[in-house]
Amino acid sequence: MTHLFRSGAAGLLAIWLAACSAGASQEPVATNQVDLPRSYRFDPEVITVPVGTTVTWTNHDEFTHSVRLLDDGGQVLQIGRGESVSYTFDTVGTHRYDCSFHPQDMKGSVIVTESSSP
């Protein structure tokens, strides 16, 4: 019986560790839309856009959140329930942001690249 308990506990631990590590590193997503679902996070967490792109964040949560642009003067864009805010990224580089109300849980980045010529 003890052996079964240990095996079950080890299996649960392995599943839990796999789930945690799966969300730890996220590949950039090519989009200009970021959602704030009901989970205190930005989705996707890391996006990539060409220079000059306007990114829009939409709050689908029950609480007010914000987008605090850490690398762009610390500007704070507050987002109420069901609202959206937008910001245009005019410089190439990685632009970090968080929610000023929940900075420990909600962090994201916009990777701005040179625009491609047609």
PDB file of N, CA and C in Angstrom:
ATOM      1  N   MET A   1       0.816  -1.188   0.000  1.00  0.00           N
ATOM      2  CA  MET A   1       0.000   0.000   0.000  1.00  0.00           C
ATOM      3  C   MET A   1       0.861   1.254   0.000  1.00  0.00           C
ATOM      4  N   THR A   2       1.916   1.270   0.819  1.00  0.00           N
ATOM      5  CA  THR A   2       2.808   2.421   0.884  1.00  0.00           C
ATOM      6  C   THR A   2       3.496   2.628  -0.456  1.00  0.00           C
ATOM      7  N   HIS A   3       3.855   1.535  -1.115  1.00  0.00           N
ATOM      8  CA  HIS A   3       4.507   1.625  -2.426  1.00  0.00           C
ATOM      9  C   HIS A   3       3.563   2.277  -3.441  1.00  0.00           C
ATOM     10  N   LEU A   4       2.287   1.903  -3.417  1.00  0.00           N
ATOM     11  CA  LEU A   4       1.310   2.506  -4.327  1.00  0.00           C
ATOM     12  C   LEU A   4       1.152   3.998  -4.056  1.00  0.00           C
ATOM     13  N   PHE A   5       1.121   4.381  -2.782  1.00  0.00           N
ATOM     14  CA  PHE A   5       0.994   5.792  -2.431  1.00  0.00           C
ATOM     15  C   PHE A   5       2.189   6.576  -2.949  1.00  0.00           C
ATOM     16  N   ARG A   6       3.400   6.038  -2.752  1.00  0.00           N
ATOM     17  CA  ARG A   6       4.620   6.719  -3.224  1.00  0.00           C
ATOM     18  C   ARG A   6       4.624   6.833  -4.737  1.00  0.00           C
ATOM     19  N   SER A   7       4.223   5.785  -5.420  1.00  0.00           N
ATOM     20  CA  SER A   7       4.179   5.819  -6.890  1.00  0.00           C
ATOM     21  C   SER A   7       3.179   6.860  -7.376  1.00  0.00           C
ATOM     22  N   GLY A   8       2.008   6.904  -6.740  1.00  0.00           N
ATOM     23  CA  GLY A   8       0.983   7.880  -7.114  1.00  0.00           C
ATOM     24  C   GLY A   8       1.458   9.303  -6.860  1.00  0.00           C
ATOM     25  N   ALA A   9       2.090   9.517  -5.707  1.00  0.00           N
ATOM     26  CA  ALA A   9       2.591  10.846  -5.362  1.00  0.00           C
ATOM     27  C   ALA A   9       3.696  11.268  -6.332  1.00  0.00           C
ATOM     28  N   ALA A  10       4.571  10.343  -6.693  1.00  0.00           N
ATOM     29  CA  ALA A  10       5.643  10.659  -7.644  1.00  0.00           C
ATOM     30  C   ALA A  10       5.062  11.002  -9.010  1.00  0.00           C
ATOM     31  N   GLY A  11       4.033  10.281  -9.417  1.00  0.00           N
ATOM     32  CA  GLY A  11       3.385  10.563 -10.699  1.00  0.00           C
ATOM     33  C   GLY A  11       2.730  11.934 -10.717  1.00  0.00           C
ATOM     34  N   LEU A  12       2.037  12.258  -9.639  1.00  0.00           N
ATOM     35  CA  LEU A  12       1.418  13.589  -9.540  1.00  0.00           C
ATOM     36  C   LEU A  12       2.464  14.692  -9.544  1.00  0.00           C
ATOM     37  N   LEU A  13       3.574  14.468  -8.859  1.00  0.00           N
ATOM     38  CA  LEU A  13       4.654  15.450  -8.841  1.00  0.00           C
ATOM     39  C   LEU A  13       5.216  15.654 -10.243  1.00  0.00           C
ATOM     40  N   ALA A  14       5.404  14.581 -10.991  1.00  0.00           N
ATOM     41  CA  ALA A  14       5.926  14.682 -12.355  1.00  0.00           C
ATOM     42  C   ALA A  14       4.973  15.469 -13.259  1.00  0.00           C
ATOM     43  N   ILE A  15       3.682  15.212 -13.121  1.00  0.00           N
ATOM     44  CA  ILE A  15       2.684  15.944 -13.922  1.00  0.00           C
ATOM     45  C   ILE A  15       2.698  17.421 -13.548  1.00  0.00           C
ATOM     46  N   TRP A  16       2.755  17.721 -12.273  1.00  0.00           N
ATOM     47  CA  TRP A  16       2.764  19.106 -11.805  1.00  0.00           C
ATOM     48  C   TRP A  16       3.997  19.838 -12.316  1.00  0.00           C
ATOM     49  N   LEU A  17       5.174  19.200 -12.233  1.00  0.00           N
ATOM     50  CA  LEU A  17       6.405  19.831 -12.714  1.00  0.00           C
ATOM     51  C   LEU A  17       6.358  20.059 -14.219  1.00  0.00           C
ATOM     52  N   ALA A  18       5.814  19.142 -14.963  1.00  0.00           N
ATOM     53  CA  ALA A  18       5.694  19.309 -16.411  1.00  0.00           C
ATOM     54  C   ALA A  18       4.768  20.472 -16.744  1.00  0.00           C
ATOM     55  N   ALA A  19       3.683  20.593 -16.023  1.00  0.00           N
ATOM     56  CA  ALA A  19       2.737  21.688 -16.270  1.00  0.00           C
ATOM     57  C   ALA A  19       3.366  23.032 -15.941  1.00  0.00           C
ATOM     58  N   CYS A  20       4.118  23.098 -14.855  1.00  0.00           N
ATOM     59  CA  CYS A  20       4.767  24.354 -14.480  1.00  0.00           C
ATOM     60  C   CYS A  20       5.843  24.747 -15.474  1.00  0.00           C
ATOM     61  N   SER A  21       6.636  23.804 -15.925  1.00  0.00           N
ATOM     62  CA  SER A  21       7.706  24.130 -16.854  1.00  0.00           C
ATOM     63  C   SER A  21       7.170  24.443 -18.239  1.00  0.00           C
ATOM     64  N   ALA A  22       6.002  23.928 -18.594  1.00  0.00           N
ATOM     65  CA  ALA A  22       5.433  24.214 -19.911  1.00  0.00           C
ATOM     66  C   ALA A  22       5.088  25.686 -20.039  1.00  0.00           C
ATOM     67  N   GLY A  23       4.627  26.336 -18.968  1.00  0.00           N
ATOM     68  CA  GLY A  23       4.266  27.730 -19.033  1.00  0.00           C
ATOM     69  C   GLY A  23       5.429  28.663 -18.730  1.00  0.00           C
ATOM     70  N   ALA A  24       6.547  28.129 -18.283  1.00  0.00           N
ATOM     71  CA  ALA A  24       7.657  28.963 -17.855  1.00  0.00           C
ATOM     72  C   ALA A  24       8.323  29.670 -19.027  1.00  0.00           C
ATOM     73  N   SER A  25       8.470  29.027 -20.140  1.00  0.00           N
ATOM     74  CA  SER A  25       9.112  29.666 -21.269  1.00  0.00           C
ATOM     75  C   SER A  25       8.144  29.657 -22.438  1.00  0.00           C
ATOM     76  N   GLN A  26       7.915  30.840 -22.959  1.00  0.00           N
ATOM     77  CA  GLN A  26       6.921  30.949 -24.013  1.00  0.00           C
ATOM     78  C   GLN A  26       7.557  31.539 -25.255  1.00  0.00           C
ATOM     79  N   GLU A  27       7.326  30.913 -26.389  1.00  0.00           N
ATOM     80  CA  GLU A  27       7.828  31.427 -27.656  1.00  0.00           C
ATOM     81  C   GLU A  27       7.025  32.658 -28.048  1.00  0.00           C
ATOM     82  N   PRO A  28       7.681  33.659 -28.661  1.00  0.00           N
ATOM     83  CA  PRO A  28       6.948  34.846 -29.108  1.00  0.00           C
ATOM     84  C   PRO A  28       5.897  34.483 -30.167  1.00  0.00           C
ATOM     85  N   VAL A  29       4.754  35.157 -30.079  1.00  0.00           N
ATOM     86  CA  VAL A  29       3.655  34.952 -31.017  1.00  0.00           C
ATOM     87  C   VAL A  29       3.549  36.201 -31.883  1.00  0.00           C
ATOM     88  N   ALA A  30       3.459  36.024 -33.191  1.00  0.00           N
ATOM     89  CA  ALA A  30       3.318  37.150 -34.114  1.00  0.00           C
ATOM     90  C   ALA A  30       1.866  37.607 -34.121  1.00  0.00           C
ATOM     91  N   THR A  31       1.566  38.631 -33.324  1.00  0.00           N
ATOM     92  CA  THR A  31       0.216  39.172 -33.224  1.00  0.00           C
ATOM     93  C   THR A  31       0.298  40.577 -32.653  1.00  0.00           C
ATOM     94  N   ASN A  32      -0.757  41.343 -32.845  1.00  0.00           N
ATOM     95  CA  ASN A  32      -0.827  42.664 -32.216  1.00  0.00           C
ATOM     96  C   ASN A  32      -1.982  42.718 -31.210  1.00  0.00           C
ATOM     97  N   GLN A  33      -2.491  41.560 -30.805  1.00  0.00           N
ATOM     98  CA  GLN A  33      -3.601  41.452 -29.858  1.00  0.00           C
ATOM     99  C   GLN A  33      -3.169  40.644 -28.634  1.00  0.00           C
ATOM    100  N   VAL A  34      -3.390  41.198 -27.443  1.00  0.00           N
ATOM    101  CA  VAL A  34      -3.082  40.492 -26.205  1.00  0.00           C
ATOM    102  C   VAL A  34      -4.349  40.497 -25.350  1.00  0.00           C
ATOM    103  N   ASP A  35      -4.722  39.325 -24.860  1.00  0.00           N
ATOM    104  CA  ASP A  35      -5.900  39.189 -24.006  1.00  0.00           C
ATOM    105  C   ASP A  35      -5.475  39.104 -22.547  1.00  0.00           C
ATOM    106  N   LEU A  36      -6.354  39.556 -21.685  1.00  0.00           N
ATOM    107  CA  LEU A  36      -6.201  39.383 -20.248  1.00  0.00           C
ATOM    108  C   LEU A  36      -7.360  38.503 -19.812  1.00  0.00           C
ATOM    109  N   PRO A  37      -7.156  37.176 -19.836  1.00  0.00           N
ATOM    110  CA  PRO A  37      -8.239  36.257 -19.455  1.00  0.00           C
ATOM    111  C   PRO A  37      -8.444  36.283 -17.946  1.00  0.00           C
ATOM    112  N   ARG A  38      -9.403  35.506 -17.476  1.00  0.00           N
ATOM    113  CA  ARG A  38      -9.700  35.432 -16.040  1.00  0.00           C
ATOM    114  C   ARG A  38      -8.657  34.589 -15.325  1.00  0.00           C
ATOM    115  N   SER A  39      -7.429  35.077 -15.285  1.00  0.00           N
ATOM    116  CA  SER A  39      -6.393  34.277 -14.629  1.00  0.00           C
ATOM    117  C   SER A  39      -5.169  35.098 -14.246  1.00  0.00           C
ATOM    118  N   TYR A  40      -5.278  36.413 -14.179  1.00  0.00           N
ATOM    119  CA  TYR A  40      -4.157  37.267 -13.803  1.00  0.00           C
ATOM    120  C   TYR A  40      -2.923  36.991 -14.660  1.00  0.00           C
ATOM    121  N   ARG A  41      -3.114  37.075 -15.982  1.00  0.00           N
ATOM    122  CA  ARG A  41      -1.986  36.905 -16.889  1.00  0.00           C
ATOM    123  C   ARG A  41      -2.282  37.606 -18.212  1.00  0.00           C
ATOM    124  N   PHE A  42      -1.239  37.796 -18.993  1.00  0.00           N
ATOM    125  CA  PHE A  42      -1.359  38.298 -20.355  1.00  0.00           C
ATOM    126  C   PHE A  42      -1.243  37.100 -21.295  1.00  0.00           C
ATOM    127  N   ASP A  43      -2.080  37.039 -22.310  1.00  0.00           N
ATOM    128  CA  ASP A  43      -2.074  35.907 -23.230  1.00  0.00           C
ATOM    129  C   ASP A  43      -2.195  36.387 -24.677  1.00  0.00           C
ATOM    130  N   PRO A  44      -1.140  36.203 -25.486  1.00  0.00           N
ATOM    131  CA  PRO A  44       0.151  35.593 -25.148  1.00  0.00           C
ATOM    132  C   PRO A  44       1.010  36.539 -24.320  1.00  0.00           C
ATOM    133  N   GLU A  45       1.952  35.950 -23.610  1.00  0.00           N
ATOM    134  CA  GLU A  45       2.829  36.712 -22.733  1.00  0.00           C
ATOM    135  C   GLU A  45       3.900  37.458 -23.522  1.00  0.00           C
ATOM    136  N   VAL A  46       4.388  36.844 -24.589  1.00  0.00           N
ATOM    137  CA  VAL A  46       5.428  37.457 -25.418  1.00  0.00           C
ATOM    138  C   VAL A  46       4.938  37.487 -26.860  1.00  0.00           C
ATOM    139  N   ILE A  47       4.948  38.700 -27.440  1.00  0.00           N
ATOM    140  CA  ILE A  47       4.535  38.831 -28.840  1.00  0.00           C
ATOM    141  C   ILE A  47       5.637  39.506 -29.632  1.00  0.00           C
ATOM    142  N   THR A  48       5.542  39.374 -30.949  1.00  0.00           N
ATOM    143  CA  THR A  48       6.487  40.042 -31.830  1.00  0.00           C
ATOM    144  C   THR A  48       5.701  40.775 -32.912  1.00  0.00           C
ATOM    145  N   VAL A  49       6.125  42.022 -33.174  1.00  0.00           N
ATOM    146  CA  VAL A  49       5.453  42.867 -34.164  1.00  0.00           C
ATOM    147  C   VAL A  49       6.493  43.677 -34.922  1.00  0.00           C
ATOM    148  N   PRO A  50       6.171  44.102 -36.150  1.00  0.00           N
ATOM    149  CA  PRO A  50       7.063  45.026 -36.869  1.00  0.00           C
ATOM    150  C   PRO A  50       6.982  46.428 -36.262  1.00  0.00           C
ATOM    151  N   VAL A  51       8.046  47.185 -36.387  1.00  0.00           N
ATOM    152  CA  VAL A  51       8.082  48.557 -35.883  1.00  0.00           C
ATOM    153  C   VAL A  51       6.920  49.357 -36.466  1.00  0.00           C
ATOM    154  N   GLY A  52       6.319  50.214 -35.650  1.00  0.00           N
ATOM    155  CA  GLY A  52       5.190  51.020 -36.086  1.00  0.00           C
ATOM    156  C   GLY A  52       3.840  50.374 -35.859  1.00  0.00           C
ATOM    157  N   THR A  53       3.828  49.169 -35.290  1.00  0.00           N
ATOM    158  CA  THR A  53       2.578  48.444 -35.054  1.00  0.00           C
ATOM    159  C   THR A  53       1.898  48.922 -33.770  1.00  0.00           C
ATOM    160  N   THR A  54       0.592  49.019 -33.820  1.00  0.00           N
ATOM    161  CA  THR A  54      -0.203  49.325 -32.633  1.00  0.00           C
ATOM    162  C   THR A  54      -0.665  48.006 -32.019  1.00  0.00           C
ATOM    163  N   VAL A  55      -0.348  47.813 -30.745  1.00  0.00           N
ATOM    164  CA  VAL A  55      -0.742  46.606 -30.006  1.00  0.00           C
ATOM    165  C   VAL A  55      -1.945  46.958 -29.140  1.00  0.00           C
ATOM    166  N   THR A  56      -2.917  46.054 -29.101  1.00  0.00           N
ATOM    167  CA  THR A  56      -4.126  46.251 -28.305  1.00  0.00           C
ATOM    168  C   THR A  56      -4.238  45.155 -27.257  1.00  0.00           C
ATOM    169  N   TRP A  57      -4.476  45.568 -26.009  1.00  0.00           N
ATOM    170  CA  TRP A  57      -4.715  44.653 -24.892  1.00  0.00           C
ATOM    171  C   TRP A  57      -6.188  44.748 -24.536  1.00  0.00           C
ATOM    172  N   THR A  58      -6.861  43.597 -24.361  1.00  0.00           N
ATOM    173  CA  THR A  58      -8.280  43.572 -24.025  1.00  0.00           C
ATOM    174  C   THR A  58      -8.478  42.802 -22.723  1.00  0.00           C
ATOM    175  N   ASN A  59      -9.182  43.431 -21.778  1.00  0.00           N
ATOM    176  CA  ASN A  59      -9.391  42.854 -20.450  1.00  0.00           C
ATOM    177  C   ASN A  59     -10.683  42.039 -20.428  1.00  0.00           C
ATOM    178  N   HIS A  60     -10.535  40.706 -20.331  1.00  0.00           N
ATOM    179  CA  HIS A  60     -11.673  39.792 -20.220  1.00  0.00           C
ATOM    180  C   HIS A  60     -11.860  39.316 -18.779  1.00  0.00           C
ATOM    181  N   ASP A  61     -11.100  39.889 -17.862  1.00  0.00           N
ATOM    182  CA  ASP A  61     -11.171  39.492 -16.451  1.00  0.00           C
ATOM    183  C   ASP A  61     -12.267  40.296 -15.746  1.00  0.00           C
ATOM    184  N   GLU A  62     -12.565  39.924 -14.525  1.00  0.00           N
ATOM    185  CA  GLU A  62     -13.572  40.612 -13.719  1.00  0.00           C
ATOM    186  C   GLU A  62     -12.992  41.811 -12.960  1.00  0.00           C
ATOM    187  N   PHE A  63     -11.682  42.010 -13.050  1.00  0.00           N
ATOM    188  CA  PHE A  63     -10.999  43.044 -12.286  1.00  0.00           C
ATOM    189  C   PHE A  63     -10.315  44.038 -13.211  1.00  0.00           C
ATOM    190  N   THR A  64     -10.093  45.247 -12.705  1.00  0.00           N
ATOM    191  CA  THR A  64      -9.325  46.246 -13.446  1.00  0.00           C
ATOM    192  C   THR A  64      -7.865  45.841 -13.425  1.00  0.00           C
ATOM    193  N   HIS A  65      -7.217  45.977 -14.572  1.00  0.00           N
ATOM    194  CA  HIS A  65      -5.787  45.714 -14.703  1.00  0.00           C
ATOM    195  C   HIS A  65      -5.160  46.920 -15.388  1.00  0.00           C
ATOM    196  N   SER A  66      -3.877  46.815 -15.694  1.00  0.00           N
ATOM    197  CA  SER A  66      -3.212  47.881 -16.428  1.00  0.00           C
ATOM    198  C   SER A  66      -2.092  47.292 -17.267  1.00  0.00           C
ATOM    199  N   VAL A  67      -1.612  48.115 -18.178  1.00  0.00           N
ATOM    200  CA  VAL A  67      -0.393  47.815 -18.922  1.00  0.00           C
ATOM    201  C   VAL A  67       0.574  48.942 -18.559  1.00  0.00           C
ATOM    202  N   ARG A  68       1.599  48.596 -17.775  1.00  0.00           N
ATOM    203  CA  ARG A  68       2.624  49.576 -17.403  1.00  0.00           C
ATOM    204  C   ARG A  68       3.827  49.313 -18.296  1.00  0.00           C
ATOM    205  N   LEU A  69       4.126  50.258 -19.157  1.00  0.00           N
ATOM    206  CA  LEU A  69       5.200  50.118 -20.140  1.00  0.00           C
ATOM    207  C   LEU A  69       6.533  50.440 -19.474  1.00  0.00           C
ATOM    208  N   LEU A  70       7.241  49.417 -19.035  1.00  0.00           N
ATOM    209  CA  LEU A  70       8.451  49.581 -18.233  1.00  0.00           C
ATOM    210  C   LEU A  70       9.598  50.211 -19.010  1.00  0.00           C
ATOM    211  N   ASP A  71       9.699  49.946 -20.303  1.00  0.00           N
ATOM    212  CA  ASP A  71      10.808  50.443 -21.111  1.00  0.00           C
ATOM    213  C   ASP A  71      10.412  51.653 -21.951  1.00  0.00           C
ATOM    214  N   ASP A  72       9.223  52.156 -21.764  1.00  0.00           N
ATOM    215  CA  ASP A  72       8.714  53.266 -22.561  1.00  0.00           C
ATOM    216  C   ASP A  72       8.206  54.379 -21.645  1.00  0.00           C
ATOM    217  N   GLY A  73       9.044  54.792 -20.704  1.00  0.00           N
ATOM    218  CA  GLY A  73       8.714  55.902 -19.819  1.00  0.00           C
ATOM    219  C   GLY A  73       7.820  55.555 -18.655  1.00  0.00           C
ATOM    220  N   GLY A  74       7.483  54.300 -18.469  1.00  0.00           N
ATOM    221  CA  GLY A  74       6.650  53.898 -17.340  1.00  0.00           C
ATOM    222  C   GLY A  74       5.184  54.274 -17.478  1.00  0.00           C
ATOM    223  N   GLN A  75       4.774  54.613 -18.691  1.00  0.00           N
ATOM    224  CA  GLN A  75       3.377  54.977 -18.926  1.00  0.00           C
ATOM    225  C   GLN A  75       2.460  53.841 -18.486  1.00  0.00           C
ATOM    226  N   VAL A  76       1.346  54.196 -17.810  1.00  0.00           N
ATOM    227  CA  VAL A  76       0.386  53.206 -17.335  1.00  0.00           C
ATOM    228  C   VAL A  76      -0.931  53.399 -18.076  1.00  0.00           C
ATOM    229  N   LEU A  77      -1.380  52.323 -18.733  1.00  0.00           N
ATOM    230  CA  LEU A  77      -2.651  52.320 -19.447  1.00  0.00           C
ATOM    231  C   LEU A  77      -3.612  51.456 -18.651  1.00  0.00           C
ATOM    232  N   GLN A  78      -4.576  52.058 -17.978  1.00  0.00           N
ATOM    233  CA  GLN A  78      -5.515  51.317 -17.142  1.00  0.00           C
ATOM    234  C   GLN A  78      -6.610  50.700 -18.012  1.00  0.00           C
ATOM    235  N   ILE A  79      -6.995  49.445 -17.692  1.00  0.00           N
ATOM    236  CA  ILE A  79      -8.004  48.721 -18.470  1.00  0.00           C
ATOM    237  C   ILE A  79      -9.086  48.190 -17.535  1.00  0.00           C
ATOM    238  N   GLY A  80     -10.285  48.723 -17.634  1.00  0.00           N
ATOM    239  CA  GLY A  80     -11.413  48.218 -16.862  1.00  0.00           C
ATOM    240  C   GLY A  80     -11.961  46.946 -17.491  1.00  0.00           C
ATOM    241  N   ARG A  81     -12.915  46.324 -16.813  1.00  0.00           N
ATOM    242  CA  ARG A  81     -13.550  45.097 -17.334  1.00  0.00           C
ATOM    243  C   ARG A  81     -14.140  45.363 -18.708  1.00  0.00           C
ATOM    244  N   GLY A  82     -13.813  44.489 -19.661  1.00  0.00           N
ATOM    245  CA  GLY A  82     -14.372  44.581 -21.007  1.00  0.00           C
ATOM    246  C   GLY A  82     -13.790  45.689 -21.858  1.00  0.00           C
ATOM    247  N   GLU A  83     -12.802  46.409 -21.355  1.00  0.00           N
ATOM    248  CA  GLU A  83     -12.199  47.510 -22.108  1.00  0.00           C
ATOM    249  C   GLU A  83     -10.911  47.076 -22.800  1.00  0.00           C
ATOM    250  N   SER A  84     -10.479  47.927 -23.731  1.00  0.00           N
ATOM    251  CA  SER A  84      -9.217  47.709 -24.441  1.00  0.00           C
ATOM    252  C   SER A  84      -8.393  48.987 -24.397  1.00  0.00           C
ATOM    253  N   VAL A  85      -7.078  48.823 -24.449  1.00  0.00           N
ATOM    254  CA  VAL A  85      -6.156  49.944 -24.602  1.00  0.00           C
ATOM    255  C   VAL A  85      -5.164  49.581 -25.693  1.00  0.00           C
ATOM    256  N   SER A  86      -4.586  50.611 -26.327  1.00  0.00           N
ATOM    257  CA  SER A  86      -3.636  50.377 -27.410  1.00  0.00           C
ATOM    258  C   SER A  86      -2.423  51.277 -27.248  1.00  0.00           C
ATOM    259  N   TYR A  87      -1.299  50.816 -27.807  1.00  0.00           N
ATOM    260  CA  TYR A  87      -0.054  51.572 -27.792  1.00  0.00           C
ATOM    261  C   TYR A  87       0.711  51.232 -29.061  1.00  0.00           C
ATOM    262  N   THR A  88       1.294  52.249 -29.703  1.00  0.00           N
ATOM    263  CA  THR A  88       2.070  52.048 -30.929  1.00  0.00           C
ATOM    264  C   THR A  88       3.554  51.995 -30.582  1.00  0.00           C
ATOM    265  N   PHE A  89       4.222  50.943 -31.028  1.00  0.00           N
ATOM    266  CA  PHE A  89       5.643  50.743 -30.763  1.00  0.00           C
ATOM    267  C   PHE A  89       6.459  51.239 -31.954  1.00  0.00           C
ATOM    268  N   ASP A  90       7.180  52.361 -31.734  1.00  0.00           N
ATOM    269  CA  ASP A  90       7.927  53.017 -32.808  1.00  0.00           C
ATOM    270  C   ASP A  90       9.424  52.751 -32.778  1.00  0.00           C
ATOM    271  N   THR A  91       9.907  51.974 -31.809  1.00  0.00           N
ATOM    272  CA  THR A  91      11.338  51.670 -31.745  1.00  0.00           C
ATOM    273  C   THR A  91      11.565  50.171 -31.671  1.00  0.00           C
ATOM    274  N   VAL A  92      12.589  49.727 -32.393  1.00  0.00           N
ATOM    275  CA  VAL A  92      12.967  48.310 -32.431  1.00  0.00           C
ATOM    276  C   VAL A  92      13.564  47.915 -31.080  1.00  0.00           C
ATOM    277  N   GLY A  93      13.262  46.708 -30.636  1.00  0.00           N
ATOM    278  CA  GLY A  93      13.821  46.192 -29.395  1.00  0.00           C
ATOM    279  C   GLY A  93      12.771  45.430 -28.608  1.00  0.00           C
ATOM    280  N   THR A  94      13.143  45.016 -27.408  1.00  0.00           N
ATOM    281  CA  THR A  94      12.223  44.316 -26.523  1.00  0.00           C
ATOM    282  C   THR A  94      11.662  45.314 -25.523  1.00  0.00           C
ATOM    283  N   HIS A  95      10.351  45.401 -25.496  1.00  0.00           N
ATOM    284  CA  HIS A  95       9.645  46.336 -24.627  1.00  0.00           C
ATOM    285  C   HIS A  95       8.883  45.517 -23.577  1.00  0.00           C
ATOM    286  N   ARG A  96       9.322  45.642 -22.320  1.00  0.00           N
ATOM    287  CA  ARG A  96       8.699  44.889 -21.228  1.00  0.00           C
ATOM    288  C   ARG A  96       7.529  45.674 -20.653  1.00  0.00           C
ATOM    289  N   TYR A  97       6.546  44.953 -20.139  1.00  0.00           N
ATOM    290  CA  TYR A  97       5.421  45.595 -19.464  1.00  0.00           C
ATOM    291  C   TYR A  97       4.898  44.673 -18.374  1.00  0.00           C
ATOM    292  N   ASP A  98       4.115  45.246 -17.473  1.00  0.00           N
ATOM    293  CA  ASP A  98       3.444  44.457 -16.454  1.00  0.00           C
ATOM    294  C   ASP A  98       2.123  45.128 -16.109  1.00  0.00           C
ATOM    295  N   CYS A  99       1.394  44.518 -15.195  1.00  0.00           N
ATOM    296  CA  CYS A  99       0.189  45.135 -14.647  1.00  0.00           C
ATOM    297  C   CYS A  99       0.631  45.830 -13.366  1.00  0.00           C
ATOM    298  N   SER A 100       0.426  47.146 -13.277  1.00  0.00           N
ATOM    299  CA  SER A 100       0.896  47.877 -12.099  1.00  0.00           C
ATOM    300  C   SER A 100       0.159  47.447 -10.830  1.00  0.00           C
ATOM    301  N   PHE A 101      -1.022  46.843 -10.960  1.00  0.00           N
ATOM    302  CA  PHE A 101      -1.769  46.351  -9.802  1.00  0.00           C
ATOM    303  C   PHE A 101      -1.302  44.960  -9.371  1.00  0.00           C
ATOM    304  N   HIS A 102      -0.798  44.156 -10.314  1.00  0.00           N
ATOM    305  CA  HIS A 102      -0.418  42.761 -10.048  1.00  0.00           C
ATOM    306  C   HIS A 102       0.931  42.437 -10.704  1.00  0.00           C
ATOM    307  N   PRO A 103       1.999  43.190 -10.382  1.00  0.00           N
ATOM    308  CA  PRO A 103       3.275  43.024 -11.089  1.00  0.00           C
ATOM    309  C   PRO A 103       3.970  41.681 -10.863  1.00  0.00           C
ATOM    310  N   GLN A 104       3.662  40.994  -9.769  1.00  0.00           N
ATOM    311  CA  GLN A 104       4.297  39.695  -9.520  1.00  0.00           C
ATOM    312  C   GLN A 104       3.747  38.607 -10.438  1.00  0.00           C
ATOM    313  N   ASP A 105       2.477  38.732 -10.831  1.00  0.00           N
ATOM    314  CA  ASP A 105       1.827  37.688 -11.622  1.00  0.00           C
ATOM    315  C   ASP A 105       1.721  38.018 -13.108  1.00  0.00           C
ATOM    316  N   MET A 106       1.585  39.295 -13.429  1.00  0.00           N
ATOM    317  CA  MET A 106       1.259  39.681 -14.802  1.00  0.00           C
ATOM    318  C   MET A 106       2.412  40.455 -15.431  1.00  0.00           C
ATOM    319  N   LYS A 107       3.152  39.756 -16.312  1.00  0.00           N
ATOM    320  CA  LYS A 107       4.288  40.352 -17.009  1.00  0.00           C
ATOM    321  C   LYS A 107       4.234  39.940 -18.468  1.00  0.00           C
ATOM    322  N   GLY A 108       4.744  40.799 -19.329  1.00  0.00           N
ATOM    323  CA  GLY A 108       4.775  40.467 -20.741  1.00  0.00           C
ATOM    324  C   GLY A 108       5.844  41.256 -21.465  1.00  0.00           C
ATOM    325  N   SER A 109       6.034  40.935 -22.739  1.00  0.00           N
ATOM    326  CA  SER A 109       7.014  41.623 -23.575  1.00  0.00           C
ATOM    327  C   SER A 109       6.500  41.735 -24.985  1.00  0.00           C
ATOM    328  N   VAL A 110       6.866  42.852 -25.625  1.00  0.00           N
ATOM    329  CA  VAL A 110       6.619  43.045 -27.050  1.00  0.00           C
ATOM    330  C   VAL A 110       7.981  43.149 -27.712  1.00  0.00           C
ATOM    331  N   ILE A 111       8.283  42.218 -28.599  1.00  0.00           N
ATOM    332  CA  ILE A 111       9.535  42.253 -29.357  1.00  0.00           C
ATOM    333  C   ILE A 111       9.243  42.955 -30.665  1.00  0.00           C
ATOM    334  N   VAL A 112       9.835  44.131 -30.846  1.00  0.00           N
ATOM    335  CA  VAL A 112       9.582  44.938 -32.048  1.00  0.00           C
ATOM    336  C   VAL A 112      10.764  44.752 -32.998  1.00  0.00           C
ATOM    337  N   THR A 113      10.442  44.347 -34.215  1.00  0.00           N
ATOM    338  CA  THR A 113      11.469  44.078 -35.226  1.00  0.00           C
ATOM    339  C   THR A 113      11.380  45.101 -36.362  1.00  0.00           C
ATOM    340  N   GLU A 114      12.428  45.151 -37.170  1.00  0.00           N
ATOM    341  CA  GLU A 114      12.413  45.991 -38.363  1.00  0.00           C
ATOM    342  C   GLU A 114      11.244  45.561 -39.241  1.00  0.00           C
ATOM    343  N   SER A 115      10.565  46.536 -39.818  1.00  0.00           N
ATOM    344  CA  SER A 115       9.436  46.171 -40.690  1.00  0.00           C
ATOM    345  C   SER A 115       9.978  45.547 -41.971  1.00  0.00           C
ATOM    346  N   SER A 116       9.238  44.585 -42.466  1.00  0.00           N
ATOM    347  CA  SER A 116       9.658  43.917 -43.711  1.00  0.00           C
ATOM    348  C   SER A 116       9.134  44.714 -44.887  1.00  0.00           C
ATOM    349  N   SER A 117       9.973  44.874 -45.903  1.00  0.00           N
ATOM    350  CA  SER A 117       9.517  45.603 -47.087  1.00  0.00           C
ATOM    351  C   SER A 117       8.824  44.691 -48.059  1.00  0.00           C
ATOM    352  N   PRO A 118       7.755  45.195 -48.690  1.00  0.00           N
ATOM    353  CA  PRO A 118       7.009  44.348 -49.630  1.00  0.00           C
ATOM    354  C   PRO A 118       7.765  44.085 -50.895  1.00  0.00           C
TER     355      PRO A 118
END
